[in-house]
N, C-alpha and C. Protein backbone atom coordinates (compact mmCIF):
# COMPACT_ATOMS: atom_id res chain seq x y z
N MET A 1 -36.63 -12.11 -1.84
CA MET A 1 -37.73 -12.93 -1.35
C MET A 1 -38.23 -13.84 -2.47
N THR A 2 -38.39 -15.09 -2.16
CA THR A 2 -38.87 -16.05 -3.15
C THR A 2 -40.34 -16.38 -2.88
N THR A 3 -41.08 -16.53 -3.95
CA THR A 3 -42.48 -16.92 -3.82
C THR A 3 -42.57 -18.44 -3.88
N ALA A 4 -43.38 -19.01 -3.01
CA ALA A 4 -43.56 -20.47 -3.02
C ALA A 4 -44.18 -20.91 -4.34
N ARG A 5 -43.71 -22.01 -4.84
CA ARG A 5 -44.31 -22.59 -6.04
C ARG A 5 -45.59 -23.32 -5.64
N GLU A 6 -46.50 -23.38 -6.58
CA GLU A 6 -47.80 -23.99 -6.30
C GLU A 6 -48.14 -25.03 -7.36
N VAL A 7 -48.67 -26.16 -6.91
CA VAL A 7 -49.08 -27.25 -7.79
C VAL A 7 -50.56 -27.52 -7.56
N LEU A 8 -51.32 -27.54 -8.64
CA LEU A 8 -52.74 -27.85 -8.59
C LEU A 8 -52.95 -29.24 -9.18
N ILE A 9 -53.53 -30.13 -8.40
CA ILE A 9 -53.86 -31.48 -8.88
C ILE A 9 -55.37 -31.52 -9.02
N HIS A 10 -55.84 -31.64 -10.24
CA HIS A 10 -57.26 -31.53 -10.55
C HIS A 10 -57.88 -32.92 -10.65
N ALA A 11 -58.78 -33.23 -9.73
CA ALA A 11 -59.51 -34.50 -9.73
C ALA A 11 -60.92 -34.22 -10.23
N PHE A 12 -61.18 -34.53 -11.49
CA PHE A 12 -62.49 -34.26 -12.09
C PHE A 12 -62.96 -35.53 -12.78
N ASP A 13 -64.02 -36.10 -12.24
CA ASP A 13 -64.51 -37.35 -12.79
C ASP A 13 -65.90 -37.62 -12.24
N GLU A 14 -66.61 -38.47 -12.91
CA GLU A 14 -67.90 -38.92 -12.41
C GLU A 14 -67.73 -40.10 -11.46
N ASP A 15 -66.51 -40.56 -11.29
CA ASP A 15 -66.21 -41.68 -10.40
C ASP A 15 -65.49 -41.15 -9.16
N PRO A 16 -66.10 -41.26 -7.98
CA PRO A 16 -65.45 -40.78 -6.77
C PRO A 16 -64.11 -41.44 -6.50
N ALA A 17 -63.84 -42.61 -7.09
CA ALA A 17 -62.58 -43.31 -6.85
C ALA A 17 -61.38 -42.53 -7.38
N VAL A 18 -61.60 -41.57 -8.29
CA VAL A 18 -60.49 -40.74 -8.78
C VAL A 18 -59.85 -39.98 -7.62
N VAL A 19 -60.62 -39.78 -6.56
CA VAL A 19 -60.11 -39.06 -5.38
C VAL A 19 -58.92 -39.79 -4.78
N ALA A 20 -58.97 -41.11 -4.69
CA ALA A 20 -57.87 -41.87 -4.09
C ALA A 20 -56.56 -41.60 -4.82
N GLY A 21 -56.59 -41.62 -6.13
CA GLY A 21 -55.39 -41.34 -6.91
C GLY A 21 -54.91 -39.91 -6.74
N ALA A 22 -55.83 -38.97 -6.74
CA ALA A 22 -55.46 -37.57 -6.59
C ALA A 22 -54.85 -37.29 -5.22
N LEU A 23 -55.41 -37.89 -4.18
CA LEU A 23 -54.85 -37.70 -2.84
C LEU A 23 -53.46 -38.31 -2.74
N ARG A 24 -53.28 -39.48 -3.35
CA ARG A 24 -51.95 -40.12 -3.35
C ARG A 24 -50.94 -39.24 -4.09
N VAL A 25 -51.32 -38.72 -5.24
CA VAL A 25 -50.44 -37.84 -6.01
C VAL A 25 -50.11 -36.58 -5.20
N GLY A 26 -51.09 -36.06 -4.49
CA GLY A 26 -50.86 -34.89 -3.64
C GLY A 26 -49.84 -35.16 -2.55
N ARG A 27 -49.99 -36.31 -1.89
CA ARG A 27 -49.02 -36.68 -0.83
C ARG A 27 -47.63 -36.87 -1.42
N ASN A 28 -47.55 -37.51 -2.58
CA ASN A 28 -46.25 -37.71 -3.23
C ASN A 28 -45.63 -36.38 -3.64
N ALA A 29 -46.45 -35.47 -4.13
CA ALA A 29 -45.94 -34.17 -4.58
C ALA A 29 -45.38 -33.36 -3.42
N VAL A 30 -46.09 -33.34 -2.30
CA VAL A 30 -45.62 -32.55 -1.16
C VAL A 30 -44.37 -33.19 -0.55
N GLN A 31 -44.24 -34.50 -0.66
CA GLN A 31 -43.04 -35.18 -0.18
C GLN A 31 -41.84 -34.83 -1.08
N ALA A 32 -42.06 -34.82 -2.38
CA ALA A 32 -40.98 -34.54 -3.33
C ALA A 32 -40.63 -33.05 -3.39
N MET A 33 -41.61 -32.20 -3.11
CA MET A 33 -41.41 -30.75 -3.20
C MET A 33 -41.94 -30.08 -1.94
N PRO A 34 -41.33 -30.32 -0.79
CA PRO A 34 -41.88 -29.83 0.48
C PRO A 34 -41.99 -28.31 0.57
N GLU A 35 -41.26 -27.60 -0.26
CA GLU A 35 -41.33 -26.14 -0.24
C GLU A 35 -42.51 -25.61 -1.06
N SER A 36 -43.21 -26.48 -1.77
CA SER A 36 -44.31 -26.07 -2.64
C SER A 36 -45.66 -26.14 -1.94
N ILE A 37 -46.57 -25.32 -2.42
CA ILE A 37 -47.97 -25.39 -2.00
C ILE A 37 -48.63 -26.39 -2.92
N VAL A 38 -49.23 -27.42 -2.36
CA VAL A 38 -49.89 -28.46 -3.16
C VAL A 38 -51.38 -28.45 -2.83
N GLN A 39 -52.20 -28.34 -3.86
CA GLN A 39 -53.65 -28.37 -3.70
C GLN A 39 -54.23 -29.50 -4.54
N VAL A 40 -55.13 -30.26 -3.96
CA VAL A 40 -55.94 -31.22 -4.71
C VAL A 40 -57.31 -30.56 -4.86
N VAL A 41 -57.68 -30.25 -6.09
CA VAL A 41 -58.94 -29.58 -6.38
C VAL A 41 -59.90 -30.62 -6.92
N VAL A 42 -61.00 -30.86 -6.20
CA VAL A 42 -61.93 -31.94 -6.54
C VAL A 42 -63.20 -31.34 -7.14
N GLN A 43 -63.56 -31.84 -8.32
CA GLN A 43 -64.70 -31.33 -9.07
C GLN A 43 -65.53 -32.50 -9.60
N GLY A 44 -66.80 -32.25 -9.89
CA GLY A 44 -67.68 -33.29 -10.40
C GLY A 44 -68.17 -34.17 -9.26
N ILE A 45 -68.77 -35.29 -9.61
CA ILE A 45 -69.30 -36.20 -8.60
C ILE A 45 -68.20 -36.72 -7.69
N ALA A 46 -66.95 -36.58 -8.11
CA ALA A 46 -65.83 -36.99 -7.27
C ALA A 46 -65.85 -36.30 -5.90
N VAL A 47 -66.53 -35.15 -5.78
CA VAL A 47 -66.59 -34.46 -4.47
C VAL A 47 -67.22 -35.35 -3.40
N THR A 48 -68.04 -36.30 -3.81
CA THR A 48 -68.65 -37.19 -2.81
C THR A 48 -67.59 -38.02 -2.09
N GLY A 49 -66.45 -38.22 -2.73
CA GLY A 49 -65.37 -39.00 -2.13
C GLY A 49 -64.70 -38.30 -0.96
N ILE A 50 -64.76 -36.96 -0.91
CA ILE A 50 -64.13 -36.23 0.20
C ILE A 50 -65.14 -35.75 1.22
N ALA A 51 -66.38 -36.21 1.07
CA ALA A 51 -67.39 -35.96 2.10
C ALA A 51 -67.18 -36.99 3.22
N VAL A 52 -67.63 -36.66 4.41
CA VAL A 52 -67.53 -37.61 5.53
C VAL A 52 -68.30 -38.86 5.14
N GLY A 53 -67.68 -40.02 5.28
CA GLY A 53 -68.31 -41.28 4.92
C GLY A 53 -68.29 -41.55 3.43
N GLY A 54 -67.54 -40.76 2.66
CA GLY A 54 -67.50 -40.91 1.21
C GLY A 54 -66.57 -42.01 0.73
N GLY A 55 -65.92 -42.69 1.67
CA GLY A 55 -65.06 -43.81 1.31
C GLY A 55 -63.57 -43.50 1.39
N PHE A 56 -63.23 -42.24 1.56
CA PHE A 56 -61.81 -41.87 1.56
C PHE A 56 -61.45 -41.03 2.79
N ASP A 57 -62.17 -41.26 3.89
CA ASP A 57 -61.94 -40.47 5.11
C ASP A 57 -60.49 -40.55 5.58
N GLU A 58 -59.94 -41.76 5.64
CA GLU A 58 -58.56 -41.93 6.13
C GLU A 58 -57.56 -41.28 5.17
N ASP A 59 -57.75 -41.49 3.87
CA ASP A 59 -56.86 -40.88 2.87
C ASP A 59 -56.94 -39.35 2.93
N THR A 60 -58.15 -38.83 3.09
CA THR A 60 -58.33 -37.38 3.17
C THR A 60 -57.61 -36.82 4.38
N ALA A 61 -57.81 -37.45 5.54
CA ALA A 61 -57.16 -36.98 6.77
C ALA A 61 -55.63 -37.07 6.66
N ALA A 62 -55.13 -38.17 6.11
CA ALA A 62 -53.68 -38.35 5.96
C ALA A 62 -53.09 -37.32 5.01
N THR A 63 -53.82 -37.00 3.97
CA THR A 63 -53.35 -36.02 2.98
C THR A 63 -53.30 -34.63 3.60
N LEU A 64 -54.35 -34.26 4.31
CA LEU A 64 -54.37 -32.96 4.98
C LEU A 64 -53.26 -32.87 6.02
N ALA A 65 -53.02 -33.97 6.74
CA ALA A 65 -51.99 -33.99 7.78
C ALA A 65 -50.59 -33.75 7.21
N ARG A 66 -50.41 -34.08 5.95
CA ARG A 66 -49.09 -33.87 5.31
C ARG A 66 -48.95 -32.47 4.73
N GLY A 67 -49.98 -31.65 4.91
CA GLY A 67 -49.89 -30.27 4.45
C GLY A 67 -50.46 -29.99 3.08
N VAL A 68 -51.11 -30.98 2.49
CA VAL A 68 -51.75 -30.79 1.19
C VAL A 68 -53.10 -30.11 1.44
N ARG A 69 -53.41 -29.12 0.65
CA ARG A 69 -54.72 -28.47 0.74
C ARG A 69 -55.69 -29.24 -0.15
N ILE A 70 -56.86 -29.52 0.37
CA ILE A 70 -57.90 -30.18 -0.43
C ILE A 70 -59.03 -29.18 -0.61
N VAL A 71 -59.39 -28.96 -1.87
CA VAL A 71 -60.37 -27.94 -2.23
C VAL A 71 -61.53 -28.61 -2.97
N ALA A 72 -62.75 -28.34 -2.52
CA ALA A 72 -63.95 -28.89 -3.16
C ALA A 72 -64.67 -27.80 -3.95
N CYS A 73 -65.21 -28.17 -5.09
CA CYS A 73 -65.99 -27.26 -5.92
C CYS A 73 -67.40 -27.12 -5.36
N GLY A 74 -67.79 -25.90 -5.03
CA GLY A 74 -69.13 -25.65 -4.50
C GLY A 74 -70.22 -25.99 -5.50
N ASN A 75 -70.00 -25.71 -6.78
CA ASN A 75 -70.99 -26.06 -7.80
C ASN A 75 -71.21 -27.57 -7.86
N SER A 76 -70.12 -28.32 -7.79
CA SER A 76 -70.23 -29.78 -7.82
C SER A 76 -70.91 -30.30 -6.56
N MET A 77 -70.61 -29.69 -5.43
CA MET A 77 -71.27 -30.09 -4.18
C MET A 77 -72.78 -29.88 -4.28
N GLN A 78 -73.17 -28.75 -4.84
CA GLN A 78 -74.60 -28.46 -5.01
C GLN A 78 -75.25 -29.52 -5.91
N ARG A 79 -74.58 -29.86 -7.00
CA ARG A 79 -75.10 -30.87 -7.92
C ARG A 79 -75.24 -32.23 -7.23
N ALA A 80 -74.31 -32.52 -6.30
CA ALA A 80 -74.33 -33.80 -5.57
C ALA A 80 -75.17 -33.72 -4.30
N HIS A 81 -75.83 -32.59 -4.08
CA HIS A 81 -76.68 -32.38 -2.90
C HIS A 81 -75.88 -32.51 -1.60
N LEU A 82 -74.68 -31.93 -1.58
CA LEU A 82 -73.83 -31.95 -0.39
C LEU A 82 -73.78 -30.56 0.23
N GLU A 83 -73.86 -30.52 1.54
CA GLU A 83 -73.71 -29.28 2.29
C GLU A 83 -72.27 -29.18 2.79
N SER A 84 -71.83 -27.99 3.10
CA SER A 84 -70.46 -27.81 3.60
C SER A 84 -70.22 -28.60 4.88
N SER A 85 -71.25 -28.76 5.69
CA SER A 85 -71.12 -29.51 6.95
C SER A 85 -70.86 -31.00 6.71
N GLN A 86 -71.09 -31.47 5.51
CA GLN A 86 -70.88 -32.88 5.19
C GLN A 86 -69.46 -33.18 4.69
N MET A 87 -68.69 -32.13 4.46
CA MET A 87 -67.34 -32.33 3.94
C MET A 87 -66.41 -32.70 5.08
N ALA A 88 -65.36 -33.43 4.74
CA ALA A 88 -64.37 -33.84 5.74
C ALA A 88 -63.76 -32.59 6.38
N PRO A 89 -63.46 -32.65 7.67
CA PRO A 89 -62.84 -31.50 8.33
C PRO A 89 -61.53 -31.12 7.65
N GLY A 90 -61.36 -29.84 7.40
CA GLY A 90 -60.15 -29.34 6.76
C GLY A 90 -60.28 -29.11 5.27
N VAL A 91 -61.33 -29.64 4.65
CA VAL A 91 -61.54 -29.43 3.22
C VAL A 91 -62.03 -27.99 3.02
N GLN A 92 -61.38 -27.29 2.11
CA GLN A 92 -61.78 -25.93 1.77
C GLN A 92 -62.78 -25.99 0.62
N ILE A 93 -63.71 -25.06 0.60
CA ILE A 93 -64.72 -25.02 -0.46
C ILE A 93 -64.58 -23.71 -1.22
N VAL A 94 -64.55 -23.82 -2.54
CA VAL A 94 -64.55 -22.64 -3.40
C VAL A 94 -65.85 -22.66 -4.20
N PRO A 95 -66.37 -21.50 -4.57
CA PRO A 95 -67.63 -21.49 -5.32
C PRO A 95 -67.56 -22.26 -6.64
N SER A 96 -66.43 -22.12 -7.35
CA SER A 96 -66.27 -22.74 -8.67
C SER A 96 -64.85 -23.26 -8.82
N ALA A 97 -64.71 -24.55 -9.09
CA ALA A 97 -63.38 -25.12 -9.31
C ALA A 97 -62.73 -24.52 -10.55
N VAL A 98 -63.51 -24.30 -11.59
CA VAL A 98 -62.97 -23.74 -12.83
C VAL A 98 -62.37 -22.37 -12.57
N ALA A 99 -63.10 -21.51 -11.89
CA ALA A 99 -62.59 -20.17 -11.58
C ALA A 99 -61.36 -20.25 -10.69
N HIS A 100 -61.39 -21.12 -9.69
CA HIS A 100 -60.26 -21.27 -8.78
C HIS A 100 -59.02 -21.74 -9.55
N LEU A 101 -59.18 -22.75 -10.38
CA LEU A 101 -58.05 -23.26 -11.17
C LEU A 101 -57.50 -22.19 -12.10
N ALA A 102 -58.37 -21.46 -12.76
CA ALA A 102 -57.92 -20.41 -13.69
C ALA A 102 -57.16 -19.33 -12.94
N GLU A 103 -57.71 -18.87 -11.83
CA GLU A 103 -57.05 -17.80 -11.07
C GLU A 103 -55.68 -18.24 -10.56
N ARG A 104 -55.58 -19.48 -10.07
CA ARG A 104 -54.29 -19.96 -9.56
C ARG A 104 -53.28 -20.13 -10.69
N GLN A 105 -53.75 -20.60 -11.87
CA GLN A 105 -52.84 -20.74 -13.01
C GLN A 105 -52.37 -19.38 -13.51
N TRP A 106 -53.26 -18.40 -13.54
CA TRP A 106 -52.85 -17.05 -13.94
C TRP A 106 -51.79 -16.50 -12.99
N ALA A 107 -51.84 -16.96 -11.73
CA ALA A 107 -50.86 -16.52 -10.74
C ALA A 107 -49.56 -17.34 -10.80
N GLY A 108 -49.50 -18.32 -11.72
CA GLY A 108 -48.26 -19.06 -11.92
C GLY A 108 -48.25 -20.50 -11.44
N ALA A 109 -49.37 -21.02 -10.96
CA ALA A 109 -49.41 -22.40 -10.47
C ALA A 109 -49.29 -23.40 -11.62
N ALA A 110 -48.65 -24.53 -11.33
CA ALA A 110 -48.59 -25.64 -12.28
C ALA A 110 -49.89 -26.44 -12.17
N TYR A 111 -50.35 -26.99 -13.28
CA TYR A 111 -51.62 -27.72 -13.33
C TYR A 111 -51.38 -29.16 -13.76
N ILE A 112 -51.95 -30.10 -12.99
CA ILE A 112 -51.87 -31.52 -13.31
C ILE A 112 -53.27 -32.11 -13.16
N ARG A 113 -53.73 -32.81 -14.17
CA ARG A 113 -55.04 -33.44 -14.06
C ARG A 113 -54.86 -34.94 -13.89
N VAL A 114 -55.59 -35.50 -12.92
CA VAL A 114 -55.54 -36.95 -12.71
C VAL A 114 -56.92 -37.54 -12.94
C-alpha cells in the first residue's frame, strides 16, 4: 500500500493578492501530480482573499473544483475579524496555520511558500 504524497503551498502575506498566485500554483501542482494531496494554506491578512467577496471567489471555486484543498488560519481570520460563515464554501479552517503546517510536515508533506 502506498501513501499519497502531500504538498503544502503556504500563502502568508499582508497582501491578499498573494492568494491569486498560491491558488494558481495549487492548480498547477494538482495537474502535474494528480496522485498527490495538494493544500493551499492561507495565513495572515491574505485570508481576506478567500472570504466571500474577497476578490478571488472565481479562483477559489476553480481551485477547489480541481481537488485542491484550501485551508484558512483561524488565528488570522480572528485578526482580520472574519467569521467562518464569511469564508468561501469549501474552505477548511484550522485553529493555527503554523501548527497545521508543522504537523503535516512532520507527517512527510512537502512545503512550498509563495
